[in-house]
Protein backbone atom coordinates (compact mmCIF):
# COMPACT_ATOMS: atom_id res chain seq x y z
CA MET A 1 61.11 111.62 -24.79
CA PHE A 2 58.90 113.57 -22.80
CA PRO A 3 55.71 112.22 -21.50
CA LEU A 4 52.62 113.89 -22.54
CA GLY A 5 54.41 116.44 -24.64
CA PHE A 6 55.85 118.06 -21.40
CA GLU A 7 58.26 120.95 -22.41
CA LEU A 8 61.66 121.03 -20.66
CA GLN A 9 60.65 123.53 -18.13
CA ASP A 10 57.64 121.38 -17.13
CA VAL A 11 60.24 118.42 -16.55
CA LEU A 12 62.51 120.47 -14.45
CA ARG A 13 59.45 121.56 -12.29
CA HIS A 14 58.17 118.16 -11.89
CA PHE A 15 61.94 116.94 -10.93
CA TYR A 16 61.96 119.57 -8.33
CA LEU A 17 58.56 118.23 -7.01
CA ILE A 18 59.51 114.84 -6.93
CA PHE A 19 63.23 115.41 -5.59
CA GLY A 20 61.81 117.68 -2.90
CA VAL A 21 59.35 115.41 -1.42
CA THR A 22 61.73 112.55 -1.68
CA LEU A 23 64.07 114.60 0.22
CA LEU A 24 61.64 115.82 2.68
CA ALA A 25 60.46 112.19 3.31
CA PHE A 26 64.05 111.20 3.90
CA ILE A 27 65.09 113.78 6.39
CA LEU A 28 62.01 113.40 8.32
CA VAL A 29 62.68 109.78 8.77
CA MET A 30 66.31 110.14 9.59
CA LEU A 31 65.27 112.93 12.45
CA LEU A 32 62.41 110.61 13.78
CA THR A 33 64.17 107.36 13.97
CA LYS A 34 66.04 107.87 17.22
CA PRO A 35 63.37 108.91 19.07
CA PHE A 36 60.95 106.44 17.89
CA TYR A 37 63.63 103.94 18.71
CA ARG A 38 63.54 104.87 22.12
CA ILE A 39 60.01 104.86 22.28
CA LEU A 40 60.04 101.18 20.98
CA ILE A 41 62.60 100.37 23.61
CA LYS A 42 60.63 101.63 26.51
CA HIS A 43 57.65 99.71 25.67
CA GLY A 44 59.28 96.59 24.92
CA VAL A 45 58.30 96.35 21.28
CA ARG A 46 60.56 93.64 20.52
CA LYS A 47 60.59 90.84 17.98
CA GLN A 48 60.15 87.50 19.06
CA LEU A 49 61.27 84.26 17.11
CA ARG A 50 58.68 81.76 16.17
CA ASP A 51 58.87 78.21 17.48
CA THR A 52 56.76 76.83 14.48
CA ALA A 53 57.02 77.04 10.95
CA ALA A 54 54.34 78.11 8.46
CA ASP A 55 53.24 74.57 8.08
CA GLY A 56 52.93 73.83 11.70
CA GLY A 57 56.32 71.97 12.05
CA SER A 58 59.55 73.17 14.09
CA ALA A 59 61.27 76.20 13.08
CA SER A 60 64.88 74.96 14.48
CA ILE A 61 66.77 75.89 11.27
CA PHE A 62 65.20 79.30 11.24
CA ASN A 63 66.05 79.67 15.08
CA GLN A 64 69.61 78.34 14.46
CA LEU A 65 70.24 80.84 11.68
CA HIS A 66 68.61 83.87 13.76
CA ALA A 67 68.83 83.39 17.24
CA SER A 68 70.64 86.55 17.67
CA LYS A 69 67.98 88.88 16.35
CA SER A 70 65.60 87.79 19.01
CA GLY A 71 64.84 91.07 21.06
CA THR A 72 65.52 93.39 18.28
CA PRO A 73 62.73 96.19 18.25
CA THR A 74 60.01 95.97 15.47
CA MET A 75 57.29 98.07 14.08
CA GLY A 76 59.73 100.25 12.11
CA GLY A 77 57.44 100.42 9.30
CA VAL A 78 55.16 102.78 11.03
CA LEU A 79 57.75 105.69 10.37
CA ILE A 80 57.70 104.71 6.65
CA TRP A 81 53.79 104.85 6.08
CA LEU A 82 53.05 107.46 8.65
CA THR A 83 55.53 109.91 7.31
CA VAL A 84 54.20 109.51 3.75
CA ALA A 85 50.57 109.97 4.99
CA ILE A 86 51.45 113.09 6.88
CA ILE A 87 53.23 114.80 3.98
CA VAL A 88 50.47 113.87 1.67
CA LEU A 89 47.45 114.97 3.92
CA ILE A 90 49.26 118.26 5.13
CA SER A 91 50.07 119.18 1.40
CA PRO A 92 46.71 120.90 0.61
CA LEU A 93 47.47 122.98 3.63
CA ALA A 94 50.76 123.92 2.40
CA GLN A 95 49.48 124.53 -0.99
CA TRP A 96 46.66 127.06 0.28
CA LEU A 97 49.43 128.93 2.23
CA GLY A 98 51.60 129.11 -0.58
CA LEU A 99 54.41 126.92 0.71
CA ALA A 100 53.68 124.75 -2.24
CA ARG A 101 52.47 124.74 -5.64
CA PHE A 102 51.14 121.14 -5.63
CA SER A 103 48.67 119.12 -3.66
CA LEU A 104 50.00 115.85 -3.18
CA LEU A 105 46.33 114.67 -2.25
CA ASN A 106 44.94 113.85 -5.75
CA ARG A 107 41.63 112.26 -6.34
CA ASN A 108 42.88 110.39 -9.41
CA GLU A 109 46.22 109.40 -8.38
CA THR A 110 46.87 109.22 -4.73
CA TYR A 111 43.42 108.67 -2.90
CA LEU A 112 43.49 104.98 -3.31
CA PRO A 113 47.48 104.63 -2.57
CA ILE A 114 47.17 106.60 0.57
CA PHE A 115 44.10 104.92 1.92
CA THR A 116 45.82 101.31 0.90
CA LEU A 117 48.96 102.48 2.85
CA ILE A 118 47.19 103.70 5.86
CA SER A 119 44.70 100.83 6.07
CA THR A 120 47.07 98.08 5.73
CA GLY A 121 49.61 99.50 7.73
CA LEU A 122 47.09 99.84 10.41
CA LEU A 123 46.33 96.04 10.09
CA GLY A 124 50.12 95.05 10.05
CA LEU A 125 50.36 97.40 13.44
CA LEU A 126 47.59 95.19 15.05
CA ASP A 127 49.24 91.79 13.89
CA ASP A 128 52.66 93.15 15.43
CA TYR A 129 50.99 94.50 18.35
CA LEU A 130 49.24 91.07 19.33
CA ASN A 131 52.51 89.00 18.42
CA ILE A 132 54.43 91.24 21.04
CA ARG A 133 51.84 91.16 23.57
CA GLY A 134 50.89 87.30 22.98
CA GLY A 135 54.45 85.95 22.72
CA LYS A 136 55.66 83.55 20.40
CA ASN A 137 53.47 82.22 17.62
CA LYS A 138 50.95 84.80 18.28
CA GLY A 139 49.44 87.58 16.35
CA LEU A 140 46.74 87.95 14.20
CA LYS A 141 45.47 84.55 12.93
CA VAL A 142 46.33 83.65 9.24
CA LYS A 143 42.40 83.80 8.20
CA PRO A 144 41.24 87.06 9.75
CA LYS A 145 44.55 88.85 8.23
CA PHE A 146 43.74 87.31 4.82
CA PHE A 147 40.03 88.34 5.25
CA TRP A 148 40.84 92.01 6.15
CA LEU A 149 43.44 92.25 3.37
CA THR A 150 41.23 90.74 0.71
CA LEU A 151 38.47 93.17 1.77
CA PHE A 152 40.53 95.94 1.45
CA ALA A 153 41.63 94.94 -2.00
CA LEU A 154 38.13 94.01 -3.19
CA ALA A 155 37.19 97.46 -1.99
CA GLY A 156 39.80 98.78 -4.07
CA GLY A 157 39.13 96.70 -7.21
CA LEU A 158 35.27 97.67 -7.09
CA TRP A 159 36.41 101.44 -6.89
CA PHE A 160 38.55 101.20 -9.84
CA TYR A 161 35.98 99.24 -11.80
CA TYR A 162 32.67 101.04 -11.01
CA LYS A 163 33.60 104.41 -10.26
CA LEU A 164 37.07 104.97 -12.33
CA GLY A 165 35.82 102.77 -15.26
CA TYR A 166 39.10 100.53 -15.05
CA ASP A 167 38.79 97.25 -16.84
CA LEU A 168 41.74 97.06 -19.20
CA ILE A 169 45.22 95.50 -18.68
CA HIS A 170 48.17 96.58 -20.87
CA ILE A 171 50.15 93.56 -22.30
CA PRO A 172 53.47 94.43 -23.86
CA GLY A 173 53.49 93.47 -27.50
CA TYR A 174 50.05 92.85 -27.73
CA GLY A 175 48.24 96.30 -26.30
CA ASP A 176 45.28 96.42 -24.15
CA LEU A 177 42.97 93.55 -23.16
CA ALA A 178 39.50 94.04 -21.78
CA LEU A 179 38.73 91.87 -18.62
CA GLY A 180 35.38 93.04 -17.77
CA PRO A 181 34.47 92.18 -14.18
CA TRP A 182 37.45 89.96 -14.04
CA TYR A 183 39.48 93.06 -13.47
CA ILE A 184 37.91 93.28 -9.83
CA ALA A 185 39.29 89.65 -9.29
CA LEU A 186 42.67 90.35 -10.73
CA PHE A 187 42.92 93.61 -8.64
CA THR A 188 42.15 91.78 -5.65
CA PHE A 189 44.75 89.23 -6.42
CA ILE A 190 47.68 91.65 -7.20
CA VAL A 191 47.00 93.58 -3.88
CA VAL A 192 46.81 90.58 -1.76
CA ALA A 193 49.68 88.93 -3.18
CA GLY A 194 51.91 91.90 -2.99
CA ALA A 195 51.19 92.25 0.54
CA ASN A 196 51.99 88.81 1.41
CA ALA A 197 55.20 88.82 -0.79
CA VAL A 198 56.62 91.66 0.80
CA ASN A 199 55.90 90.13 4.06
CA ILE A 200 57.45 86.86 3.32
CA THR A 201 60.74 88.71 2.12
CA ASP A 202 61.07 90.65 5.17
CA GLY A 203 63.44 88.19 6.82
CA LEU A 204 66.82 89.62 6.49
CA ASP A 205 68.50 92.77 7.48
CA GLY A 206 68.05 95.16 4.41
CA LEU A 207 66.49 92.70 2.15
CA ALA A 208 62.89 94.08 2.01
CA GLY A 209 63.79 97.61 2.36
CA GLY A 210 66.32 97.60 -0.50
CA LEU A 211 63.84 95.92 -2.80
CA THR A 212 61.28 98.21 -1.97
CA LEU A 213 63.66 100.98 -2.88
CA ILE A 214 63.87 99.34 -6.44
CA THR A 215 60.18 98.46 -7.06
CA PHE A 216 58.90 102.12 -6.00
CA THR A 217 61.87 103.71 -8.08
CA ALA A 218 60.66 101.62 -11.02
CA LEU A 219 56.67 102.36 -10.62
CA GLY A 220 57.45 106.02 -10.10
CA ILE A 221 59.43 106.02 -13.56
CA ILE A 222 56.58 104.07 -15.12
CA ALA A 223 54.01 106.49 -13.76
CA TYR A 224 56.02 109.62 -14.70
CA PHE A 225 56.16 108.58 -18.10
CA GLN A 226 52.30 108.09 -18.06
CA GLY A 227 52.01 111.60 -17.15
CA LEU A 228 51.11 110.87 -13.36
CA VAL A 229 53.35 113.37 -11.72
CA ILE A 230 51.68 113.46 -8.34
CA LEU A 231 51.99 109.47 -8.28
CA ALA A 232 55.49 109.70 -9.19
CA ALA A 233 55.91 111.92 -6.29
CA PHE A 234 54.29 109.65 -4.10
CA CYS A 235 56.50 106.76 -5.06
CA GLY A 236 59.36 109.14 -4.45
CA MET A 237 58.28 109.82 -0.78
CA ILE A 238 58.03 106.14 -0.27
CA VAL A 239 61.57 105.73 -1.69
CA GLY A 240 62.72 108.44 0.47
CA THR A 241 61.23 107.15 3.69
CA THR A 242 62.58 103.67 3.00
CA MET A 243 65.81 104.98 2.12
CA ALA A 244 66.19 106.53 5.72
CA PHE A 245 64.54 103.22 7.17
CA LEU A 246 67.34 101.25 5.38
CA TRP A 247 70.08 103.20 6.76
CA PHE A 248 69.20 101.82 10.00
CA ASN A 249 68.09 98.62 8.82
CA ILE A 250 71.43 97.43 7.00
CA PRO A 251 73.08 94.42 9.30
CA PRO A 252 73.18 94.44 12.20
CA ALA A 253 69.55 96.09 12.05
CA LEU A 254 68.71 98.91 14.74
CA PHE A 255 64.88 97.76 14.27
CA TYR A 256 62.87 95.80 11.76
CA MET A 257 59.97 96.93 9.66
CA GLY A 258 57.36 94.51 10.82
CA ASP A 259 54.12 93.45 9.28
CA THR A 260 52.94 97.29 9.63
CA GLY A 261 55.50 98.26 7.06
CA ALA A 262 55.52 95.04 4.63
CA LEU A 263 51.90 94.81 4.40
CA ALA A 264 51.45 98.36 3.68
CA LEU A 265 54.31 98.61 1.01
CA GLY A 266 53.22 95.41 -0.71
CA ALA A 267 49.70 96.12 -0.87
CA THR A 268 50.43 99.82 -1.92
CA MET A 269 52.76 98.43 -4.51
CA GLY A 270 49.90 96.31 -6.00
CA VAL A 271 47.36 99.45 -6.15
CA ILE A 272 50.19 101.50 -7.92
CA ALA A 273 50.73 98.59 -10.57
CA MET A 274 47.25 98.61 -11.27
CA LEU A 275 46.78 102.44 -11.36
CA THR A 276 49.78 102.53 -13.93
CA ASN A 277 48.45 99.58 -15.83
CA SER A 278 51.71 97.65 -15.41
CA ALA A 279 50.45 94.63 -13.72
CA VAL A 280 51.82 92.30 -16.38
CA VAL A 281 55.32 93.68 -15.78
CA LEU A 282 54.98 93.74 -12.14
CA PRO A 283 56.49 90.23 -11.82
CA LEU A 284 59.52 91.72 -13.34
CA VAL A 285 59.65 95.02 -11.50
CA ALA A 286 59.25 93.15 -7.92
CA PHE A 287 61.07 89.93 -9.33
CA ILE A 288 62.68 89.01 -6.14
CA PHE A 289 59.25 89.53 -4.23
CA VAL A 290 57.57 87.11 -6.37
CA VAL A 291 60.50 84.47 -6.19
CA GLU A 292 60.27 84.68 -2.44
CA ALA A 293 56.55 84.17 -2.25
CA ALA A 294 56.71 81.30 -4.89
CA SER A 295 59.28 79.36 -2.99
CA SER A 296 57.35 79.61 0.16
CA SER A 297 54.37 78.31 -1.69
CA ILE A 298 56.18 75.50 -3.48
CA GLN A 299 57.84 74.40 -0.30
CA LEU A 300 54.45 74.01 1.58
CA LEU A 301 52.87 72.23 -1.35
CA SER A 302 55.73 70.04 -1.79
CA LYS A 303 55.72 68.92 1.89
CA ARG A 304 51.97 68.59 1.78
CA TRP A 305 51.62 66.53 -1.27
CA PHE A 306 54.83 64.66 -1.62
CA LYS A 307 56.01 64.81 2.07
CA ARG A 308 59.39 66.27 1.12
CA LYS A 309 61.13 69.73 1.03
CA VAL A 310 62.34 71.50 -1.91
CA PHE A 311 64.49 74.13 -0.07
CA LEU A 312 66.43 73.27 3.21
CA ILE A 313 64.04 76.05 4.69
CA ALA A 314 61.70 78.42 3.17
CA PRO A 315 61.59 81.21 1.72
CA LEU A 316 64.42 81.43 -0.60
CA HIS A 317 66.57 83.79 1.21
CA HIS A 318 66.57 81.52 4.08
CA HIS A 319 68.01 78.45 1.94
CA PHE A 320 70.79 80.51 0.65
CA GLU A 321 71.52 81.12 4.32
CA ALA A 322 71.35 77.68 5.39
CA ARG A 323 73.54 76.67 2.46
CA GLY A 324 76.44 78.88 3.99
CA TRP A 325 75.85 82.15 2.38
CA GLY A 326 76.40 85.36 4.71
CA GLU A 327 73.35 87.39 5.24
CA ALA A 328 74.94 90.28 3.64
CA LYS A 329 75.93 88.48 0.75
CA VAL A 330 72.36 87.14 0.20
CA VAL A 331 70.75 90.51 0.48
CA MET A 332 73.08 92.26 -1.90
CA ARG A 333 72.74 89.48 -4.57
CA PHE A 334 69.30 89.79 -4.22
CA TRP A 335 69.20 93.40 -4.70
CA ILE A 336 71.48 93.36 -7.54
CA VAL A 337 69.28 90.59 -9.15
CA GLY A 338 66.11 92.52 -8.40
CA ALA A 339 67.43 95.67 -9.72
CA LEU A 340 68.66 94.20 -12.88
CA ILE A 341 65.19 92.54 -13.73
CA ALA A 342 63.38 95.66 -12.60
CA PHE A 343 65.06 97.60 -15.20
CA LEU A 344 64.30 95.18 -17.96
CA GLY A 345 60.57 95.60 -16.66
CA VAL A 346 60.24 99.41 -16.84
CA LEU A 347 61.94 99.26 -20.22
CA LEU A 348 59.67 96.62 -21.53
CA HIS A 349 56.64 98.50 -20.38
CA LEU A 350 57.85 101.98 -21.34
CA LEU A 351 58.79 100.38 -25.04
CA SER A 352 55.19 98.96 -25.37
CA LEU A 353 53.90 102.40 -24.79
CA LEU A 354 55.92 103.97 -27.81
CA PRO A 355 53.79 104.67 -30.79
CA ARG A 356 53.96 102.10 -33.45
CA ILE A 357 56.71 102.99 -36.51
CA PRO A 358 54.73 102.48 -39.57
CA ALA A 359 56.33 99.95 -41.93
């Protein structure tokens, strides 16, 4: 089944484009990692373990589990979003010079994702910087961070609704549902929730990186089968950069993604889900991210309302660590479950787009 009636030669040309930019992104990050790492070391850009948990209590269990990680360089996410941004932004020049057949800077497909990637990446970069310079339990306060994330997401929602005319969500088995102005609220929620979910999940070596590979691969497949070739290539670049990052992030991690990577990837994930009208299956495509964020919320609410914990420590990956699972075991099992559920989400979405067969 070729999307939008593509011929085989079109599919092959698209494959070369998507694979080419994915490989380019991978190679660039692989080449830049060691010099970037030396810069982080030189300037003391190192992670500091927190003393308090999200609810203000002691983070003693967390520190027992991760004492050895203190001092590891962070801000590695800069390599991910900055590499993607550079490739996208110079692609019109490459096309003009005859070095590329396509420009990756496309008004309908990549304007908003690249804006989201850069803006939220810079927000996370500021948070990481303040955390490093301010010491333990510092960084950007929760309310200002939430405000700016919400502002970026709201701007995107308004653009989609008023400028692009989006107001439908696709529900597999039902069809399209018109939300009207409520579409703006849904867009804002999806983007903010995505940013926070990836940030919460980024707590074990390789965990968020591997799950990001899975999620953006799934979103890229969905985009391509809707004829959004440039957006699929954009997803491919994120896969390529994250794959190279993951090469150095598997245990023991050379450096961490930091908020600058987690917020950028999570928010962009939400934007692409809305751009491909796959928000309903996003909880499947990004299943582990959703579960991790839910576990943190459940823990906070249970401690506030019932004065007891549901998990030994939240989010869920730390709970399994506290129960004796090794870090690699948690990461790989979460990858397996995430990949399986993401496959089901992609399948469900694509099947729902097939024309109905008359009885």
